[in-house]
Amino acid sequence: MARSNYSFQKRQKELKRKKKKEEKLQRKLAKKALELEANSEEIPEEPENEDADDEADESG
């Protein structure tokens, strides 16, 4: 009589589930990064004026 290979099947199922979870996490991270990138392009940050700080230090 043939034995059931339940432990192998269970392990394969666990590996498949883990792989799917990792792929989902990567998709979420990629989507979040894309949204952050889009937001940063819409609102340009003002460059800091370092010269003004240097002049204040020299005069005082």
C-alpha atoms as a PDB file:
ATOM      1  CA  MET A   1       0.000   0.000   0.000  1.00  0.00           C
ATOM      2  CA  ALA A   2       1.337   3.471  -0.892  1.00  0.00           C
ATOM      3  CA  ARG A   3       1.949   5.958   1.878  1.00  0.00           C
ATOM      4  CA  SER A   4       0.513   9.434   1.813  1.00  0.00           C
ATOM      5  CA  ASN A   5       3.072  12.162   1.362  1.00  0.00           C
ATOM      6  CA  TYR A   6       1.223  14.629   3.564  1.00  0.00           C
ATOM      7  CA  SER A   7       4.262  16.273   5.145  1.00  0.00           C
ATOM      8  CA  PHE A   8       5.772  17.060   1.726  1.00  0.00           C
ATOM      9  CA  GLN A   9       2.473  18.468   0.473  1.00  0.00           C
ATOM     10  CA  LYS A  10       2.075  20.529   3.619  1.00  0.00           C
ATOM     11  CA  ARG A  11       5.582  21.949   3.271  1.00  0.00           C
ATOM     12  CA  GLN A  12       4.980  22.819  -0.381  1.00  0.00           C
ATOM     13  CA  LYS A  13       1.753  24.575   0.548  1.00  0.00           C
ATOM     14  CA  GLU A  14       3.540  26.562   3.276  1.00  0.00           C
ATOM     15  CA  LEU A  15       6.298  27.584   0.851  1.00  0.00           C
ATOM     16  CA  LYS A  16       3.744  28.683  -1.735  1.00  0.00           C
ATOM     17  CA  ARG A  17       1.880  30.708   0.884  1.00  0.00           C
ATOM     18  CA  LYS A  18       5.111  32.338   2.076  1.00  0.00           C
ATOM     19  CA  LYS A  19       6.137  33.206  -1.493  1.00  0.00           C
ATOM     20  CA  LYS A  20       2.738  34.741  -2.201  1.00  0.00           C
ATOM     21  CA  LYS A  21       2.938  36.809   0.992  1.00  0.00           C
ATOM     22  CA  GLU A  22       6.408  38.106   0.045  1.00  0.00           C
ATOM     23  CA  GLU A  23       5.212  39.043  -3.458  1.00  0.00           C
ATOM     24  CA  LYS A  24       2.259  40.905  -1.989  1.00  0.00           C
ATOM     25  CA  LEU A  25       4.558  42.790   0.387  1.00  0.00           C
ATOM     26  CA  GLN A  26       6.846  43.752  -2.506  1.00  0.00           C
ATOM     27  CA  ARG A  27       3.858  45.022  -4.522  1.00  0.00           C
ATOM     28  CA  LYS A  28       2.712  47.118  -1.559  1.00  0.00           C
ATOM     29  CA  LEU A  29       6.188  48.597  -1.069  1.00  0.00           C
ATOM     30  CA  ALA A  30       6.527  49.376  -4.775  1.00  0.00           C
ATOM     31  CA  LYS A  31       3.119  51.052  -4.826  1.00  0.00           C
ATOM     32  CA  LYS A  32       3.961  53.108  -1.738  1.00  0.00           C
ATOM     33  CA  ALA A  33       7.309  54.179  -3.204  1.00  0.00           C
ATOM     34  CA  LEU A  34       5.601  55.173  -6.441  1.00  0.00           C
ATOM     35  CA  GLU A  35       3.050  57.280  -4.556  1.00  0.00           C
ATOM     36  CA  LEU A  36       5.784  59.002  -2.538  1.00  0.00           C
ATOM     37  CA  GLU A  37       7.723  59.715  -5.711  1.00  0.00           C
ATOM     38  CA  ALA A  38       4.638  61.172  -7.386  1.00  0.00           C
ATOM     39  CA  ASN A  39       3.943  63.375  -4.367  1.00  0.00           C
ATOM     40  CA  SER A  40       7.512  64.646  -4.239  1.00  0.00           C
ATOM     41  CA  GLU A  41       7.343  65.625  -7.921  1.00  0.00           C
ATOM     42  CA  GLU A  42       4.135  67.597  -7.392  1.00  0.00           C
ATOM     43  CA  ILE A  43       5.493  69.621  -4.470  1.00  0.00           C
ATOM     44  CA  PRO A  44       9.053  70.730  -5.198  1.00  0.00           C
ATOM     45  CA  GLU A  45      11.075  71.449  -2.093  1.00  0.00           C
ATOM     46  CA  GLU A  46      12.678  74.865  -1.775  1.00  0.00           C
ATOM     47  CA  PRO A  47      16.477  74.751  -1.826  1.00  0.00           C
ATOM     48  CA  GLU A  48      18.089  75.993   1.330  1.00  0.00           C
ATOM     49  CA  ASN A  49      20.019  79.226   1.084  1.00  0.00           C
ATOM     50  CA  GLU A  50      23.339  78.434   2.750  1.00  0.00           C
ATOM     51  CA  ASP A  51      24.886  81.797   1.781  1.00  0.00           C
ATOM     52  CA  ALA A  52      22.503  83.675   4.085  1.00  0.00           C
ATOM     53  CA  ASP A  53      23.671  81.581   7.055  1.00  0.00           C
ATOM     54  CA  ASP A  54      27.332  82.208   6.228  1.00  0.00           C
ATOM     55  CA  GLU A  55      26.837  85.981   6.071  1.00  0.00           C
ATOM     56  CA  ALA A  56      25.105  85.995   9.437  1.00  0.00           C
ATOM     57  CA  ASP A  57      28.004  84.084  11.014  1.00  0.00           C
ATOM     58  CA  GLU A  58      30.632  86.413   9.573  1.00  0.00           C
ATOM     59  CA  SER A  59      28.926  89.618  10.739  1.00  0.00           C
ATOM     60  CA  GLY A  60      28.201  88.461  14.251  1.00  0.00           C
END
